[in-house]
Amino acid sequence: MEGVNEIQSLIMVWFTVFGSLTFCYFIVRKISTRSIRLFFTLPIIFLFTILPLYLSCLHFVLITSFFITWLCNFKLILFVFNQGPLSSDPSISLLRFVSIACLPIKMKNNENPSQQITKKGLKSTWNYSIKFLLLVLVTKIGDYKHSLHPNILLALYSWHAYFGIEIVLAIVTAPALALLGIETEPQFDEPYLSTSLQEFWGKRWNLMVTSILRPTIYVPIRYTCMHMVGTKCAKLAGMMATFVVSGLMHELIYFYETRLPPTWEVTWYFILQGVYTSVEIVVKEAGGHRLRLHPVISRFMTIAFLLATNGLFFAQVLRDGLVLRVNQEYSVLVEFVKGAVPWLF
């Protein structure tokens, strides 16, 4: 019965999302005055902020809070000022408008297409298949966590998060590609190949978040500070503000999942990443080619730093037993599949 109620809540939440975005499409989109647009959009942004509280399943909460509370709300903020993906095409259809608003879709840049992107904007099937097998392997190794060193276990959690997020986002994006013919870019660009923190956070990790934080946080802060502190400092200020906002949004998602007061550990994690990325940029600009390391060395140093600091990111997850709850939900899913298609087992 509890599972049925959760499914009903999920349906109610997403019907609410669809209805709200339909209102934006037919009503708000026709309004040219920004202040009036903002007046009608703010209640929807508030509604999208509280919707995850109506769910209890961790996977449902994570997907809804990331897609709706974070990405969709930020797209709506741009929409108010007639910017962003929701305002780029005046002839956009309702279904495409809703899909772009609430799905992690990063429109493909046709001027500089990546060689790793197929016609449909996703990586090859082999790429995702290998990562799925690696995800299964990492999960199985994690079953022996009591016999593993804490640092090895932390590395496993980091890889599990990467493989899991990329595969889930690809699965969610695939229907939009098939039904709407939308060309998109992959949400990740092999982040383990990063040779610097700047490259990792700006060009390889969760590009959907990067593409939405840049016009909503980085650009306005940089433009505001440019006349006060100069171009270089303004860029660093915009970047630090972006990391802070990312940390706060992750803190909010943690709250949705745990329903406990924030500990601010994940916020400090992103502040730490912002500080070290800023130092990295300043040092590279000052040293130029003299401080350039071999790609293998810089790649190792970047991944090592990220793994060493990820303990701060996962601290609340491990302390509040979210890993155990995730495993329990996996077990429920397996039992459901066994009952639905017993011939697979």
C-alpha atoms as a PDB file:
ATOM      1  CA  MET A   1       0.000   0.000   0.000  1.00  0.00           C
ATOM      2  CA  GLU A   2       2.862   2.367   0.803  1.00  0.00           C
ATOM      3  CA  GLY A   3       4.345   1.807  -2.636  1.00  0.00           C
ATOM      4  CA  VAL A   4       0.997   2.499  -4.292  1.00  0.00           C
ATOM      5  CA  ASN A   5       0.635   5.746  -2.354  1.00  0.00           C
ATOM      6  CA  GLU A   6       4.135   6.797  -3.406  1.00  0.00           C
ATOM      7  CA  ILE A   7       3.341   6.165  -7.068  1.00  0.00           C
ATOM      8  CA  GLN A   8       0.137   8.187  -6.710  1.00  0.00           C
ATOM      9  CA  SER A   9       2.116  11.029  -5.126  1.00  0.00           C
ATOM     10  CA  LEU A  10       4.642  10.903  -7.951  1.00  0.00           C
ATOM     11  CA  ILE A  11       1.874  11.087 -10.563  1.00  0.00           C
ATOM     12  CA  MET A  12       0.270  14.003  -8.712  1.00  0.00           C
ATOM     13  CA  VAL A  13       3.574  15.871  -8.539  1.00  0.00           C
ATOM     14  CA  TRP A  14       4.333  15.499 -12.236  1.00  0.00           C
ATOM     15  CA  PHE A  15       0.773  16.331 -13.294  1.00  0.00           C
ATOM     16  CA  THR A  16       1.206  19.518 -11.258  1.00  0.00           C
ATOM     17  CA  VAL A  17       4.466  20.223 -13.079  1.00  0.00           C
ATOM     18  CA  PHE A  18       2.858  19.657 -16.468  1.00  0.00           C
ATOM     19  CA  GLY A  19      -0.111  21.886 -15.616  1.00  0.00           C
ATOM     20  CA  SER A  20       2.116  24.683 -14.322  1.00  0.00           C
ATOM     21  CA  LEU A  21       4.350  24.608 -17.391  1.00  0.00           C
ATOM     22  CA  THR A  22       1.281  24.542 -19.646  1.00  0.00           C
ATOM     23  CA  PHE A  23       0.150  27.745 -17.919  1.00  0.00           C
ATOM     24  CA  CYS A  24       3.583  29.259 -18.600  1.00  0.00           C
ATOM     25  CA  TYR A  25       3.356  28.236 -22.247  1.00  0.00           C
ATOM     26  CA  PHE A  26      -0.118  29.589 -22.997  1.00  0.00           C
ATOM     27  CA  ILE A  27      -0.301  32.556 -20.606  1.00  0.00           C
ATOM     28  CA  VAL A  28       3.047  33.750 -19.269  1.00  0.00           C
ATOM     29  CA  ARG A  29       4.815  33.355 -22.620  1.00  0.00           C
ATOM     30  CA  LYS A  30       2.402  35.880 -24.157  1.00  0.00           C
ATOM     31  CA  ILE A  31       3.247  38.553 -21.548  1.00  0.00           C
ATOM     32  CA  SER A  32       5.949  40.975 -22.640  1.00  0.00           C
ATOM     33  CA  THR A  33       6.335  42.977 -19.399  1.00  0.00           C
ATOM     34  CA  ARG A  34       9.003  41.424 -17.183  1.00  0.00           C
ATOM     35  CA  SER A  35       7.467  42.496 -13.882  1.00  0.00           C
ATOM     36  CA  ILE A  36       4.125  40.910 -14.762  1.00  0.00           C
ATOM     37  CA  ARG A  37       5.893  37.789 -16.010  1.00  0.00           C
ATOM     38  CA  LEU A  38       7.730  37.586 -12.704  1.00  0.00           C
ATOM     39  CA  PHE A  39       4.459  38.067 -10.772  1.00  0.00           C
ATOM     40  CA  PHE A  40       2.915  35.007 -12.445  1.00  0.00           C
ATOM     41  CA  THR A  41       6.086  32.900 -12.415  1.00  0.00           C
ATOM     42  CA  LEU A  42       7.145  33.308  -8.765  1.00  0.00           C
ATOM     43  CA  PRO A  43       4.251  31.179  -7.382  1.00  0.00           C
ATOM     44  CA  ILE A  44       5.216  28.411  -9.809  1.00  0.00           C
ATOM     45  CA  ILE A  45       8.852  28.584  -8.702  1.00  0.00           C
ATOM     46  CA  PHE A  46       7.711  28.345  -5.072  1.00  0.00           C
ATOM     47  CA  LEU A  47       5.452  25.400  -5.926  1.00  0.00           C
ATOM     48  CA  PHE A  48       8.294  23.587  -7.681  1.00  0.00           C
ATOM     49  CA  THR A  49      10.444  24.164  -4.581  1.00  0.00           C
ATOM     50  CA  ILE A  50       8.051  22.338  -2.227  1.00  0.00           C
ATOM     51  CA  LEU A  51       6.940  19.528  -4.569  1.00  0.00           C
ATOM     52  CA  PRO A  52       9.761  17.095  -3.544  1.00  0.00           C
ATOM     53  CA  LEU A  53       8.419  17.217   0.026  1.00  0.00           C
ATOM     54  CA  TYR A  54       5.382  15.229  -1.147  1.00  0.00           C
ATOM     55  CA  LEU A  55       7.633  12.268  -2.028  1.00  0.00           C
ATOM     56  CA  SER A  56       9.561   9.863   0.196  1.00  0.00           C
ATOM     57  CA  CYS A  57      11.290   7.440  -2.199  1.00  0.00           C
ATOM     58  CA  LEU A  58      14.908   8.614  -2.458  1.00  0.00           C
ATOM     59  CA  HIS A  59      15.122   8.072  -6.198  1.00  0.00           C
ATOM     60  CA  PHE A  60      11.861   9.931  -6.847  1.00  0.00           C
ATOM     61  CA  VAL A  61      12.959  12.759  -4.554  1.00  0.00           C
ATOM     62  CA  LEU A  62      16.389  13.033  -6.191  1.00  0.00           C
ATOM     63  CA  ILE A  63      15.057  13.101  -9.747  1.00  0.00           C
ATOM     64  CA  THR A  64      12.203  15.514  -8.977  1.00  0.00           C
ATOM     65  CA  SER A  65      14.320  17.930  -6.939  1.00  0.00           C
ATOM     66  CA  PHE A  66      17.133  17.970  -9.509  1.00  0.00           C
ATOM     67  CA  PHE A  67      14.902  18.249 -12.574  1.00  0.00           C
ATOM     68  CA  ILE A  68      12.217  20.563 -11.197  1.00  0.00           C
ATOM     69  CA  THR A  69      13.443  22.450  -8.131  1.00  0.00           C
ATOM     70  CA  TRP A  70      16.868  23.136  -9.588  1.00  0.00           C
ATOM     71  CA  LEU A  71      16.986  22.969 -13.392  1.00  0.00           C
ATOM     72  CA  CYS A  72      13.393  23.925 -14.204  1.00  0.00           C
ATOM     73  CA  ASN A  73      13.258  26.774 -11.679  1.00  0.00           C
ATOM     74  CA  PHE A  74      16.473  28.251 -13.029  1.00  0.00           C
ATOM     75  CA  LYS A  75      15.159  27.944 -16.586  1.00  0.00           C
ATOM     76  CA  LEU A  76      11.990  29.738 -15.487  1.00  0.00           C
ATOM     77  CA  ILE A  77      14.084  32.551 -14.019  1.00  0.00           C
ATOM     78  CA  LEU A  78      15.743  32.991 -17.414  1.00  0.00           C
ATOM     79  CA  PHE A  79      12.323  32.673 -19.058  1.00  0.00           C
ATOM     80  CA  VAL A  80      11.064  35.660 -17.068  1.00  0.00           C
ATOM     81  CA  PHE A  81      13.761  37.809 -18.691  1.00  0.00           C
ATOM     82  CA  ASN A  82      13.112  36.281 -22.121  1.00  0.00           C
ATOM     83  CA  GLN A  83      16.378  34.355 -22.059  1.00  0.00           C
ATOM     84  CA  GLY A  84      17.443  30.732 -21.947  1.00  0.00           C
ATOM     85  CA  PRO A  85      16.209  27.614 -23.755  1.00  0.00           C
ATOM     86  CA  LEU A  86      12.506  28.297 -23.104  1.00  0.00           C
ATOM     87  CA  SER A  87      12.688  31.600 -24.977  1.00  0.00           C
ATOM     88  CA  SER A  88      15.045  30.689 -27.797  1.00  0.00           C
ATOM     89  CA  ASP A  89      12.343  29.481 -30.217  1.00  0.00           C
ATOM     90  CA  PRO A  90       9.113  31.525 -30.531  1.00  0.00           C
ATOM     91  CA  SER A  91       7.415  28.724 -32.491  1.00  0.00           C
ATOM     92  CA  ILE A  92       8.208  26.008 -29.947  1.00  0.00           C
ATOM     93  CA  SER A  93       5.480  23.415 -29.375  1.00  0.00           C
ATOM     94  CA  LEU A  94       3.917  22.740 -25.965  1.00  0.00           C
ATOM     95  CA  LEU A  95       5.418  19.255 -25.679  1.00  0.00           C
ATOM     96  CA  ARG A  96       8.898  20.485 -26.552  1.00  0.00           C
ATOM     97  CA  PHE A  97       8.525  23.459 -24.188  1.00  0.00           C
ATOM     98  CA  VAL A  98       7.592  21.175 -21.279  1.00  0.00           C
ATOM     99  CA  SER A  99      10.303  18.648 -22.135  1.00  0.00           C
ATOM    100  CA  ILE A 100      13.059  21.251 -22.300  1.00  0.00           C
ATOM    101  CA  ALA A 101      11.801  22.867 -19.091  1.00  0.00           C
ATOM    102  CA  CYS A 102      11.673  19.789 -16.868  1.00  0.00           C
ATOM    103  CA  LEU A 103      14.192  17.382 -18.405  1.00  0.00           C
ATOM    104  CA  PRO A 104      18.005  17.581 -18.222  1.00  0.00           C
ATOM    105  CA  ILE A 105      18.290  18.523 -21.870  1.00  0.00           C
ATOM    106  CA  LYS A 106      21.261  20.585 -23.030  1.00  0.00           C
ATOM    107  CA  MET A 107      20.633  21.646 -26.611  1.00  0.00           C
ATOM    108  CA  LYS A 108      23.364  20.694 -29.029  1.00  0.00           C
ATOM    109  CA  ASN A 109      25.665  23.441 -30.276  1.00  0.00           C
ATOM    110  CA  ASN A 110      25.672  22.803 -33.995  1.00  0.00           C
ATOM    111  CA  GLU A 111      28.498  25.265 -34.558  1.00  0.00           C
ATOM    112  CA  ASN A 112      30.988  23.112 -32.646  1.00  0.00           C
ATOM    113  CA  PRO A 113      29.704  19.556 -32.565  1.00  0.00           C
ATOM    114  CA  SER A 114      31.657  17.063 -30.506  1.00  0.00           C
ATOM    115  CA  GLN A 115      33.077  14.043 -32.270  1.00  0.00           C
ATOM    116  CA  GLN A 116      31.828  11.891 -29.391  1.00  0.00           C
ATOM    117  CA  ILE A 117      28.187  12.804 -30.037  1.00  0.00           C
ATOM    118  CA  THR A 118      26.102  10.624 -32.296  1.00  0.00           C
ATOM    119  CA  LYS A 119      23.273  11.845 -34.501  1.00  0.00           C
ATOM    120  CA  LYS A 120      20.883  11.699 -31.563  1.00  0.00           C
ATOM    121  CA  GLY A 121      23.193  13.566 -29.218  1.00  0.00           C
ATOM    122  CA  LEU A 122      24.069  10.630 -26.966  1.00  0.00           C
ATOM    123  CA  LYS A 123      27.296   8.695 -26.664  1.00  0.00           C
ATOM    124  CA  SER A 124      27.575   5.258 -28.207  1.00  0.00           C
ATOM    125  CA  THR A 125      25.702   2.269 -26.814  1.00  0.00           C
ATOM    126  CA  TRP A 126      29.033   0.651 -26.014  1.00  0.00           C
ATOM    127  CA  ASN A 127      30.000   3.637 -23.886  1.00  0.00           C
ATOM    128  CA  TYR A 128      26.903   3.353 -21.705  1.00  0.00           C
ATOM    129  CA  SER A 129      27.038  -0.453 -21.645  1.00  0.00           C
ATOM    130  CA  ILE A 130      30.580  -0.438 -20.295  1.00  0.00           C
ATOM    131  CA  LYS A 131      29.667   2.139 -17.669  1.00  0.00           C
ATOM    132  CA  PHE A 132      26.620   0.096 -16.656  1.00  0.00           C
ATOM    133  CA  LEU A 133      28.822  -2.978 -16.164  1.00  0.00           C
ATOM    134  CA  LEU A 134      31.271  -0.879 -14.163  1.00  0.00           C
ATOM    135  CA  LEU A 135      28.365   0.402 -12.054  1.00  0.00           C
ATOM    136  CA  VAL A 136      27.303  -3.179 -11.303  1.00  0.00           C
ATOM    137  CA  LEU A 137      30.899  -4.080 -10.456  1.00  0.00           C
ATOM    138  CA  VAL A 138      31.338  -1.100  -8.140  1.00  0.00           C
ATOM    139  CA  THR A 139      28.020  -1.910  -6.450  1.00  0.00           C
ATOM    140  CA  LYS A 140      29.035  -5.542  -5.893  1.00  0.00           C
ATOM    141  CA  ILE A 141      32.402  -4.535  -4.454  1.00  0.00           C
ATOM    142  CA  GLY A 142      30.548  -2.153  -2.139  1.00  0.00           C
ATOM    143  CA  ASP A 143      28.747  -5.134  -0.624  1.00  0.00           C
ATOM    144  CA  TYR A 144      32.030  -5.941   1.139  1.00  0.00           C
ATOM    145  CA  LYS A 145      32.354  -2.467   2.605  1.00  0.00           C
ATOM    146  CA  HIS A 146      33.173  -3.777   6.091  1.00  0.00           C
ATOM    147  CA  SER A 147      36.352  -5.325   4.672  1.00  0.00           C
ATOM    148  CA  LEU A 148      37.427  -2.288   2.660  1.00  0.00           C
ATOM    149  CA  HIS A 149      39.621   0.626   3.688  1.00  0.00           C
ATOM    150  CA  PRO A 150      37.553   3.847   4.172  1.00  0.00           C
ATOM    151  CA  ASN A 151      39.451   5.619   1.378  1.00  0.00           C
ATOM    152  CA  ILE A 152      38.758   2.785  -1.073  1.00  0.00           C
ATOM    153  CA  LEU A 153      35.112   2.798  -0.044  1.00  0.00           C
ATOM    154  CA  LEU A 154      34.922   6.546  -0.587  1.00  0.00           C
ATOM    155  CA  ALA A 155      36.407   6.135  -4.066  1.00  0.00           C
ATOM    156  CA  LEU A 156      33.775   3.474  -4.815  1.00  0.00           C
ATOM    157  CA  TYR A 157      30.998   5.855  -3.753  1.00  0.00           C
ATOM    158  CA  SER A 158      32.458   8.534  -6.031  1.00  0.00           C
ATOM    159  CA  TRP A 159      32.555   6.237  -9.053  1.00  0.00           C
ATOM    160  CA  HIS A 160      29.096   4.881  -8.214  1.00  0.00           C
ATOM    161  CA  ALA A 161      27.694   8.421  -8.198  1.00  0.00           C
ATOM    162  CA  TYR A 162      29.309   9.243 -11.546  1.00  0.00           C
ATOM    163  CA  PHE A 163      28.235   6.085 -13.377  1.00  0.00           C
ATOM    164  CA  GLY A 164      24.754   6.117 -11.853  1.00  0.00           C
ATOM    165  CA  ILE A 165      24.007   9.770 -12.598  1.00  0.00           C
ATOM    166  CA  GLU A 166      25.240   9.619 -16.191  1.00  0.00           C
ATOM    167  CA  ILE A 167      23.273   6.459 -16.983  1.00  0.00           C
ATOM    168  CA  VAL A 168      20.057   7.744 -15.372  1.00  0.00           C
ATOM    169  CA  LEU A 169      20.288  11.085 -17.195  1.00  0.00           C
ATOM    170  CA  ALA A 170      20.881   9.290 -20.493  1.00  0.00           C
ATOM    171  CA  ILE A 171      17.852   7.047 -19.912  1.00  0.00           C
ATOM    172  CA  VAL A 172      15.642  10.027 -19.098  1.00  0.00           C
ATOM    173  CA  THR A 173      16.902  12.005 -22.096  1.00  0.00           C
ATOM    174  CA  ALA A 174      16.491   9.187 -24.636  1.00  0.00           C
ATOM    175  CA  PRO A 175      12.656   9.461 -24.962  1.00  0.00           C
ATOM    176  CA  ALA A 176      12.936  13.185 -25.737  1.00  0.00           C
ATOM    177  CA  LEU A 177      15.427  12.427 -28.465  1.00  0.00           C
ATOM    178  CA  ALA A 178      13.262   9.682 -29.940  1.00  0.00           C
ATOM    179  CA  LEU A 179       9.857  11.402 -29.725  1.00  0.00           C
ATOM    180  CA  LEU A 180      10.761  15.047 -30.305  1.00  0.00           C
ATOM    181  CA  GLY A 181      13.871  14.785 -32.431  1.00  0.00           C
ATOM    182  CA  ILE A 182      15.777  17.101 -30.078  1.00  0.00           C
ATOM    183  CA  GLU A 183      19.530  17.058 -30.563  1.00  0.00           C
ATOM    184  CA  THR A 184      21.337  17.291 -27.248  1.00  0.00           C
ATOM    185  CA  GLU A 185      24.828  17.100 -25.846  1.00  0.00           C
ATOM    186  CA  PRO A 186      25.842  14.419 -23.320  1.00  0.00           C
ATOM    187  CA  GLN A 187      25.557  15.598 -19.722  1.00  0.00           C
ATOM    188  CA  PHE A 188      29.085  14.333 -18.980  1.00  0.00           C
ATOM    189  CA  ASP A 189      32.243  14.414 -21.079  1.00  0.00           C
ATOM    190  CA  GLU A 190      34.404  11.693 -19.495  1.00  0.00           C
ATOM    191  CA  PRO A 191      35.307  13.724 -16.357  1.00  0.00           C
ATOM    192  CA  TYR A 192      38.000  11.228 -15.327  1.00  0.00           C
ATOM    193  CA  LEU A 193      40.104  12.643 -18.206  1.00  0.00           C
ATOM    194  CA  SER A 194      40.202  16.135 -16.672  1.00  0.00           C
ATOM    195  CA  THR A 195      43.648  17.679 -16.393  1.00  0.00           C
ATOM    196  CA  SER A 196      42.543  20.489 -14.063  1.00  0.00           C
ATOM    197  CA  LEU A 197      39.743  21.408 -11.687  1.00  0.00           C
ATOM    198  CA  GLN A 198      38.700  24.157 -14.077  1.00  0.00           C
ATOM    199  CA  GLU A 199      38.283  21.617 -16.866  1.00  0.00           C
ATOM    200  CA  PHE A 200      36.505  19.127 -14.595  1.00  0.00           C
ATOM    201  CA  TRP A 201      33.852  21.516 -13.265  1.00  0.00           C
ATOM    202  CA  GLY A 202      33.496  23.712 -16.339  1.00  0.00           C
ATOM    203  CA  LYS A 203      33.784  21.359 -19.306  1.00  0.00           C
ATOM    204  CA  ARG A 204      33.306  17.752 -18.245  1.00  0.00           C
ATOM    205  CA  TRP A 205      31.166  17.274 -15.114  1.00  0.00           C
ATOM    206  CA  ASN A 206      27.361  17.564 -15.288  1.00  0.00           C
ATOM    207  CA  LEU A 207      27.273  19.974 -18.215  1.00  0.00           C
ATOM    208  CA  MET A 208      23.541  20.546 -17.787  1.00  0.00           C
ATOM    209  CA  VAL A 209      24.175  22.221 -14.434  1.00  0.00           C
ATOM    210  CA  THR A 210      27.078  24.203 -15.868  1.00  0.00           C
ATOM    211  CA  SER A 211      24.962  25.458 -18.761  1.00  0.00           C
ATOM    212  CA  ILE A 212      22.169  26.662 -16.452  1.00  0.00           C
ATOM    213  CA  LEU A 213      24.390  28.183 -13.733  1.00  0.00           C
ATOM    214  CA  ARG A 214      26.438  30.182 -16.203  1.00  0.00           C
ATOM    215  CA  PRO A 215      23.637  32.529 -17.441  1.00  0.00           C
ATOM    216  CA  THR A 216      21.775  32.664 -14.099  1.00  0.00           C
ATOM    217  CA  ILE A 217      24.695  33.153 -11.663  1.00  0.00           C
ATOM    218  CA  TYR A 218      28.127  33.478 -13.273  1.00  0.00           C
ATOM    219  CA  VAL A 219      27.363  36.029 -15.997  1.00  0.00           C
ATOM    220  CA  PRO A 220      25.263  38.436 -13.838  1.00  0.00           C
ATOM    221  CA  ILE A 221      27.788  38.372 -10.957  1.00  0.00           C
ATOM    222  CA  ARG A 222      30.742  38.843 -13.307  1.00  0.00           C
ATOM    223  CA  TYR A 223      29.008  41.737 -15.072  1.00  0.00           C
ATOM    224  CA  THR A 224      28.048  43.387 -11.765  1.00  0.00           C
ATOM    225  CA  CYS A 225      31.549  43.129 -10.307  1.00  0.00           C
ATOM    226  CA  MET A 226      33.449  44.041 -13.460  1.00  0.00           C
ATOM    227  CA  HIS A 227      33.206  47.802 -12.946  1.00  0.00           C
ATOM    228  CA  MET A 228      34.126  47.510  -9.257  1.00  0.00           C
ATOM    229  CA  VAL A 229      37.065  45.090  -9.148  1.00  0.00           C
ATOM    230  CA  GLY A 230      38.167  44.637 -12.761  1.00  0.00           C
ATOM    231  CA  THR A 231      37.746  41.849 -15.279  1.00  0.00           C
ATOM    232  CA  LYS A 232      39.985  39.195 -13.685  1.00  0.00           C
ATOM    233  CA  CYS A 233      38.579  39.546 -10.186  1.00  0.00           C
ATOM    234  CA  ALA A 234      35.057  39.738 -11.577  1.00  0.00           C
ATOM    235  CA  LYS A 235      35.531  36.360 -13.284  1.00  0.00           C
ATOM    236  CA  LEU A 236      36.735  34.829 -10.027  1.00  0.00           C
ATOM    237  CA  ALA A 237      33.813  36.393  -8.132  1.00  0.00           C
ATOM    238  CA  GLY A 238      31.355  34.990 -10.654  1.00  0.00           C
ATOM    239  CA  MET A 239      32.936  31.565 -10.422  1.00  0.00           C
ATOM    240  CA  MET A 240      32.908  31.548  -6.597  1.00  0.00           C
ATOM    241  CA  ALA A 241      29.270  32.644  -6.575  1.00  0.00           C
ATOM    242  CA  THR A 242      28.481  29.760  -8.937  1.00  0.00           C
ATOM    243  CA  PHE A 243      30.129  27.232  -6.624  1.00  0.00           C
ATOM    244  CA  VAL A 244      28.298  28.664  -3.602  1.00  0.00           C
ATOM    245  CA  VAL A 245      24.908  28.430  -5.322  1.00  0.00           C
ATOM    246  CA  SER A 246      25.693  24.888  -6.450  1.00  0.00           C
ATOM    247  CA  GLY A 247      26.534  23.992  -2.861  1.00  0.00           C
ATOM    248  CA  LEU A 248      23.294  25.493  -1.567  1.00  0.00           C
ATOM    249  CA  MET A 249      21.247  23.609  -4.154  1.00  0.00           C
ATOM    250  CA  HIS A 250      22.934  20.351  -3.192  1.00  0.00           C
ATOM    251  CA  GLU A 251      22.222  21.203   0.452  1.00  0.00           C
ATOM    252  CA  LEU A 252      18.556  21.640  -0.432  1.00  0.00           C
ATOM    253  CA  ILE A 253      18.481  18.273  -2.210  1.00  0.00           C
ATOM    254  CA  TYR A 254      20.073  16.652   0.854  1.00  0.00           C
ATOM    255  CA  PHE A 255      17.312  18.208   2.963  1.00  0.00           C
ATOM    256  CA  TYR A 256      14.628  16.762   0.698  1.00  0.00           C
ATOM    257  CA  GLU A 257      16.198  13.309   1.062  1.00  0.00           C
ATOM    258  CA  THR A 258      16.880  13.340   4.817  1.00  0.00           C
ATOM    259  CA  ARG A 259      14.284  15.883   6.109  1.00  0.00           C
ATOM    260  CA  LEU A 260      16.956  16.888   8.647  1.00  0.00           C
ATOM    261  CA  PRO A 261      18.371  20.382   9.333  1.00  0.00           C
ATOM    262  CA  PRO A 262      21.267  21.222   6.995  1.00  0.00           C
ATOM    263  CA  THR A 263      24.809  20.598   8.204  1.00  0.00           C
ATOM    264  CA  TRP A 264      26.372  22.764   5.456  1.00  0.00           C
ATOM    265  CA  GLU A 265      29.089  20.186   4.783  1.00  0.00           C
ATOM    266  CA  VAL A 266      28.208  19.874   1.120  1.00  0.00           C
ATOM    267  CA  THR A 267      28.109  23.678   0.799  1.00  0.00           C
ATOM    268  CA  TRP A 268      31.594  23.913   2.254  1.00  0.00           C
ATOM    269  CA  TYR A 269      32.685  21.181  -0.156  1.00  0.00           C
ATOM    270  CA  PHE A 270      31.728  23.329  -3.141  1.00  0.00           C
ATOM    271  CA  ILE A 271      33.246  26.434  -1.561  1.00  0.00           C
ATOM    272  CA  LEU A 272      36.476  24.450  -1.162  1.00  0.00           C
ATOM    273  CA  GLN A 273      36.321  23.401  -4.807  1.00  0.00           C
ATOM    274  CA  GLY A 274      35.728  27.020  -5.810  1.00  0.00           C
ATOM    275  CA  VAL A 275      38.688  28.276  -3.785  1.00  0.00           C
ATOM    276  CA  TYR A 276      41.110  25.694  -5.176  1.00  0.00           C
ATOM    277  CA  THR A 277      39.835  26.197  -8.725  1.00  0.00           C
ATOM    278  CA  SER A 278      40.387  29.953  -8.326  1.00  0.00           C
ATOM    279  CA  VAL A 279      43.926  29.373  -7.028  1.00  0.00           C
ATOM    280  CA  GLU A 280      44.571  27.024  -9.927  1.00  0.00           C
ATOM    281  CA  ILE A 281      43.447  29.646 -12.452  1.00  0.00           C
ATOM    282  CA  VAL A 282      45.533  32.415 -10.871  1.00  0.00           C
ATOM    283  CA  VAL A 283      48.643  30.206 -10.723  1.00  0.00           C
ATOM    284  CA  LYS A 284      48.255  29.098 -14.350  1.00  0.00           C
ATOM    285  CA  GLU A 285      47.828  32.683 -15.529  1.00  0.00           C
ATOM    286  CA  ALA A 286      50.874  33.796 -13.554  1.00  0.00           C
ATOM    287  CA  GLY A 287      53.128  30.898 -14.514  1.00  0.00           C
ATOM    288  CA  GLY A 288      52.005  30.324 -18.072  1.00  0.00           C
ATOM    289  CA  HIS A 289      53.755  27.483 -19.924  1.00  0.00           C
ATOM    290  CA  ARG A 290      56.444  27.218 -17.250  1.00  0.00           C
ATOM    291  CA  LEU A 291      54.047  25.483 -14.833  1.00  0.00           C
ATOM    292  CA  ARG A 292      52.341  23.257 -17.392  1.00  0.00           C
ATOM    293  CA  LEU A 293      52.601  19.606 -16.358  1.00  0.00           C
ATOM    294  CA  HIS A 294      52.406  16.495 -18.463  1.00  0.00           C
ATOM    295  CA  PRO A 295      48.713  15.588 -19.014  1.00  0.00           C
ATOM    296  CA  VAL A 296      49.146  12.239 -17.243  1.00  0.00           C
ATOM    297  CA  ILE A 297      50.528  13.941 -14.131  1.00  0.00           C
ATOM    298  CA  SER A 298      47.953  16.750 -14.082  1.00  0.00           C
ATOM    299  CA  ARG A 299      45.146  14.247 -14.673  1.00  0.00           C
ATOM    300  CA  PHE A 300      46.321  12.120 -11.753  1.00  0.00           C
ATOM    301  CA  MET A 301      46.633  15.160  -9.476  1.00  0.00           C
ATOM    302  CA  THR A 302      43.147  16.409 -10.386  1.00  0.00           C
ATOM    303  CA  ILE A 303      41.381  13.101  -9.753  1.00  0.00           C
ATOM    304  CA  ALA A 304      43.413  12.507  -6.590  1.00  0.00           C
ATOM    305  CA  PHE A 305      42.379  15.906  -5.213  1.00  0.00           C
ATOM    306  CA  LEU A 306      38.717  15.267  -6.006  1.00  0.00           C
ATOM    307  CA  LEU A 307      38.760  11.829  -4.376  1.00  0.00           C
ATOM    308  CA  ALA A 308      40.585  13.222  -1.343  1.00  0.00           C
ATOM    309  CA  THR A 309      37.983  15.939  -0.795  1.00  0.00           C
ATOM    310  CA  ASN A 310      34.882  13.887  -1.643  1.00  0.00           C
ATOM    311  CA  GLY A 311      34.645  12.782   1.976  1.00  0.00           C
ATOM    312  CA  LEU A 312      33.127  16.170   2.754  1.00  0.00           C
ATOM    313  CA  PHE A 313      30.549  15.683  -0.002  1.00  0.00           C
ATOM    314  CA  PHE A 314      29.501  12.201   1.148  1.00  0.00           C
ATOM    315  CA  ALA A 315      29.714  12.871   4.902  1.00  0.00           C
ATOM    316  CA  GLN A 316      26.001  13.497   5.372  1.00  0.00           C
ATOM    317  CA  VAL A 317      25.018  10.689   3.004  1.00  0.00           C
ATOM    318  CA  LEU A 318      26.990   8.147   5.022  1.00  0.00           C
ATOM    319  CA  ARG A 319      26.039   9.538   8.428  1.00  0.00           C
ATOM    320  CA  ASP A 320      22.284   9.605   7.781  1.00  0.00           C
ATOM    321  CA  GLY A 321      22.099   6.112   6.300  1.00  0.00           C
ATOM    322  CA  LEU A 322      21.107   7.135   2.781  1.00  0.00           C
ATOM    323  CA  VAL A 323      23.268   4.401   1.274  1.00  0.00           C
ATOM    324  CA  LEU A 324      21.301   1.778   3.211  1.00  0.00           C
ATOM    325  CA  ARG A 325      17.995   3.268   2.071  1.00  0.00           C
ATOM    326  CA  VAL A 326      19.169   3.300  -1.542  1.00  0.00           C
ATOM    327  CA  ASN A 327      20.112  -0.395  -1.300  1.00  0.00           C
ATOM    328  CA  GLN A 328      16.708  -1.181   0.201  1.00  0.00           C
ATOM    329  CA  GLU A 329      14.981   0.550  -2.710  1.00  0.00           C
ATOM    330  CA  TYR A 330      17.131  -1.451  -5.133  1.00  0.00           C
ATOM    331  CA  SER A 331      16.005  -4.637  -3.367  1.00  0.00           C
ATOM    332  CA  VAL A 332      12.348  -3.641  -3.708  1.00  0.00           C
ATOM    333  CA  LEU A 333      12.865  -2.938  -7.414  1.00  0.00           C
ATOM    334  CA  VAL A 334      14.507  -6.344  -7.946  1.00  0.00           C
ATOM    335  CA  GLU A 335      11.628  -8.113  -6.183  1.00  0.00           C
ATOM    336  CA  PHE A 336       9.143  -6.191  -8.334  1.00  0.00           C
ATOM    337  CA  VAL A 337      10.934  -7.207 -11.535  1.00  0.00           C
ATOM    338  CA  LYS A 338      11.067 -10.819 -10.360  1.00  0.00           C
ATOM    339  CA  GLY A 339       7.315 -10.812  -9.880  1.00  0.00           C
ATOM    340  CA  ALA A 340       6.614  -9.079 -13.196  1.00  0.00           C
ATOM    341  CA  VAL A 341       8.980 -11.087 -15.400  1.00  0.00           C
ATOM    342  CA  PRO A 342       9.946 -14.248 -13.482  1.00  0.00           C
ATOM    343  CA  TRP A 343      11.435 -15.859 -16.612  1.00  0.00           C
ATOM    344  CA  LEU A 344      14.395 -13.477 -16.352  1.00  0.00           C
ATOM    345  CA  PHE A 345      15.496 -15.056 -13.061  1.00  0.00           C
END
